[in-house]
Protein backbone atom coordinates (compact mmCIF):
# COMPACT_ATOMS: atom_id res chain seq x y z
CA MET A 1 -0.22 0.09 -0.14
CA GLU A 2 2.85 2.23 0.79
CA LYS A 3 4.06 1.42 -2.90
CA ASN A 4 1.60 2.27 -4.67
CA ILE A 5 0.39 6.14 -2.32
CA SER A 6 4.68 6.55 -3.75
CA VAL A 7 4.22 6.09 -6.76
CA LEU A 8 0.59 7.55 -7.00
CA THR A 9 1.95 10.46 -5.52
CA LEU A 10 4.79 10.00 -8.11
CA VAL A 11 2.28 10.03 -10.93
CA ILE A 12 0.25 13.18 -9.43
CA LEU A 13 3.66 15.00 -9.16
CA VAL A 14 4.72 14.13 -12.86
CA ILE A 15 0.93 14.92 -13.63
CA SER A 16 1.34 17.99 -11.79
CA VAL A 17 4.70 19.80 -13.52
CA LEU A 18 3.34 18.88 -16.60
CA LEU A 19 -0.40 20.53 -16.50
CA GLY A 20 1.66 23.39 -14.46
CA TYR A 21 4.48 23.65 -18.11
CA GLN A 22 0.94 23.45 -20.11
CA LEU A 23 -1.14 25.96 -17.88
CA VAL A 24 1.26 28.26 -16.39
CA TYR A 25 4.84 28.09 -18.37
CA ALA A 26 4.68 27.75 -22.15
CA PRO A 27 2.02 30.91 -21.66
CA LYS A 28 4.64 32.75 -20.73
CA MET A 29 7.36 31.15 -22.63
CA SER A 30 5.61 32.87 -25.64
CA THR A 31 5.58 36.28 -23.75
CA LEU A 32 8.58 36.50 -22.80
CA ARG A 33 9.78 35.93 -26.30
CA ALA A 34 8.04 38.59 -27.49
CA LEU A 35 8.89 40.65 -25.03
CA GLU A 36 13.30 39.93 -25.56
CA GLU A 37 12.46 40.59 -29.28
CA LEU A 38 10.42 43.81 -28.65
CA GLN A 39 13.76 44.40 -26.28
CA GLN A 40 15.91 43.69 -28.88
CA THR A 41 14.02 46.13 -30.78
CA GLU A 42 14.27 48.86 -29.10
CA ARG A 43 17.86 47.80 -28.22
CA LYS A 44 18.67 48.59 -32.17
CA LYS A 45 16.57 51.52 -31.84
CA GLN A 46 18.70 53.34 -28.96
CA LEU A 47 21.32 52.25 -31.33
CA LEU A 48 19.63 54.36 -34.46
CA TYR A 49 19.25 56.71 -32.27
CA ASP A 50 22.11 57.22 -30.67
CA GLU A 51 24.58 57.26 -34.73
CA LEU A 52 21.59 59.80 -35.76
CA THR A 53 22.10 62.10 -33.14
CA VAL A 54 26.14 62.18 -33.73
CA TYR A 55 25.46 62.54 -37.69
CA GLU A 56 23.14 65.48 -36.42
CA LYS A 57 26.42 66.69 -34.21
CA LYS A 58 28.75 66.31 -37.71
CA VAL A 59 26.34 67.85 -39.78
CA ALA A 60 25.25 70.92 -37.90
CA SER A 61 29.82 70.89 -37.34
CA TYR A 62 29.84 71.13 -41.45
CA GLU A 63 27.43 73.34 -41.86
CA LYS A 64 29.16 75.77 -39.42
CA ARG A 65 31.68 75.42 -42.52
CA TRP A 66 29.93 76.50 -45.61
CA PHE A 67 29.63 80.48 -47.18
CA PRO A 68 26.16 81.58 -46.68
CA ARG A 69 24.26 80.74 -49.50
CA GLY A 70 23.80 83.83 -51.46
CA LYS A 71 27.06 85.28 -50.39
CA GLU A 72 29.99 83.40 -51.20
CA GLU A 73 31.45 86.00 -53.10
CA ILE A 74 31.21 88.93 -50.72
CA THR A 75 31.85 86.85 -47.46
CA LEU A 76 35.32 85.21 -49.32
CA LEU A 77 36.13 88.78 -50.26
CA ASN A 78 35.76 89.67 -46.75
CA ARG A 79 37.21 86.87 -45.59
CA VAL A 80 40.74 86.72 -47.98
CA ARG A 81 40.98 90.65 -47.02
CA GLU A 82 40.87 89.59 -43.58
CA MET A 83 43.33 87.20 -43.76
CA ALA A 84 46.09 88.75 -45.89
CA GLY A 85 45.60 91.63 -43.02
CA GLU A 86 46.66 89.19 -40.29
CA ALA A 87 49.17 87.92 -42.04
CA PRO A 88 50.33 90.01 -43.19
CA VAL A 89 50.14 90.64 -47.19
CA HIS A 90 49.71 93.14 -49.40
CA ILE A 91 46.59 93.05 -52.18
CA THR A 92 46.90 93.95 -55.45
CA ALA A 93 43.95 92.79 -56.84
CA MET A 94 41.57 90.26 -56.01
CA VAL A 95 39.44 88.78 -58.70
CA PRO A 96 35.98 86.69 -58.71
CA GLN A 97 36.52 83.81 -61.27
CA LYS A 98 33.64 81.56 -62.82
CA LYS A 99 31.70 79.57 -59.98
CA GLU A 100 31.55 76.24 -61.04
CA ASP A 101 27.60 73.96 -60.07
CA PHE A 102 28.19 69.86 -59.10
CA PRO A 103 25.02 69.14 -58.60
CA SER A 104 25.48 65.44 -58.77
CA LYS A 105 28.09 65.94 -55.38
CA GLY A 106 25.88 68.67 -53.95
CA TYR A 107 27.64 71.53 -53.75
CA ARG A 108 28.86 74.63 -55.57
CA LYS A 109 32.42 75.77 -55.73
CA PHE A 110 33.33 79.91 -55.36
CA PRO A 111 37.13 80.07 -56.85
CA ILE A 112 38.49 83.36 -56.50
CA ALA A 113 41.81 84.79 -57.77
CA VAL A 114 44.23 86.45 -55.32
CA ALA A 115 47.11 88.87 -56.46
CA PHE A 116 49.54 89.69 -53.40
CA SER A 117 53.47 90.65 -52.58
CA SER A 118 54.90 89.17 -49.59
CA THR A 119 57.74 87.90 -48.13
CA TYR A 120 58.22 84.07 -46.93
CA HIS A 121 56.93 85.03 -44.03
CA GLN A 122 54.52 86.61 -44.97
CA LEU A 123 53.16 83.86 -47.27
CA GLY A 124 53.42 81.44 -45.10
CA ALA A 125 51.57 83.20 -42.38
CA PHE A 126 48.73 83.62 -45.23
CA MET A 127 48.82 79.99 -46.01
CA ALA A 128 48.26 79.30 -42.45
CA GLU A 129 45.61 81.53 -41.55
CA VAL A 130 44.12 79.99 -45.22
CA GLU A 131 44.46 75.86 -44.01
CA ASN A 132 43.03 77.01 -40.49
CA THR A 133 40.05 78.54 -41.27
CA GLU A 134 37.23 77.42 -40.00
CA THR A 135 34.79 77.64 -43.30
CA LEU A 136 35.33 75.10 -46.29
CA MET A 137 38.09 76.95 -47.76
CA LYS A 138 40.85 75.67 -50.37
CA ILE A 139 43.90 76.36 -52.36
CA ASP A 140 43.61 75.48 -56.09
CA ARG A 141 46.96 77.06 -57.52
CA LEU A 142 49.73 79.36 -56.66
CA PHE A 143 52.38 80.61 -58.32
CA PHE A 144 55.26 83.30 -57.07
CA THR A 145 58.34 84.61 -58.21
CA THR A 146 61.04 86.43 -56.44
CA TYR A 147 61.98 90.16 -56.69
CA ARG A 148 65.45 91.14 -57.76
CA LYS A 149 67.26 92.35 -54.99
CA GLU A 150 67.27 96.36 -56.66
CA GLU A 151 64.31 96.23 -56.62
CA GLU A 152 61.61 97.11 -53.84
CA GLY A 153 59.68 95.94 -51.22
CA PRO A 154 58.81 92.37 -50.65
CA PRO A 155 60.95 89.52 -52.03
CA LEU A 156 58.03 87.84 -53.79
CA ARG A 157 55.06 88.06 -55.87
CA CYS A 158 51.94 86.24 -55.17
CA ASP A 159 48.81 84.85 -57.55
CA VAL A 160 46.85 82.35 -55.46
CA VAL A 161 43.21 81.15 -56.68
CA LEU A 162 41.24 80.34 -54.12
CA SER A 163 37.82 78.55 -53.57
CA VAL A 164 35.03 78.24 -50.95
CA PHE A 165 32.25 75.96 -51.29
CA SER A 166 28.25 76.47 -50.82
CA VAL A 167 25.08 74.10 -50.87
CA PRO A 168 23.09 75.11 -53.56
């Protein structure tokens, strides 16, 4: 009889475990899986949001470097005049060149030819000003010739073509 009770208890225990699994655990497992998938989706969303925030900051920093639309040439002329004063070089001519559109790349290029006279150190200081400016500026061409010692003034005559970029 004791053996029958043990077997009966064991059968009841097994049936209870199976019923508990079917009625309690199995339905909750599908909910847990759905919650885990939702959690993974939320993690992916957060990663994408973080990446988007980083890209927005990068875009904002690049937008600061573009010249204002519609005022590219005037802004460039003024900026070159400022840089020439800081170097200091003596500008003899500044002539805006034909702008170039690059619609497939999404920008416009505004070149300007600048002629000036300077010493070697002033030329270096001017180039440093161009390179260290916050705006997107590029040196397209640089030509310089030296004076003979008999002539007065700075020993270099420089012709530079600078370009800035703008979003159309």
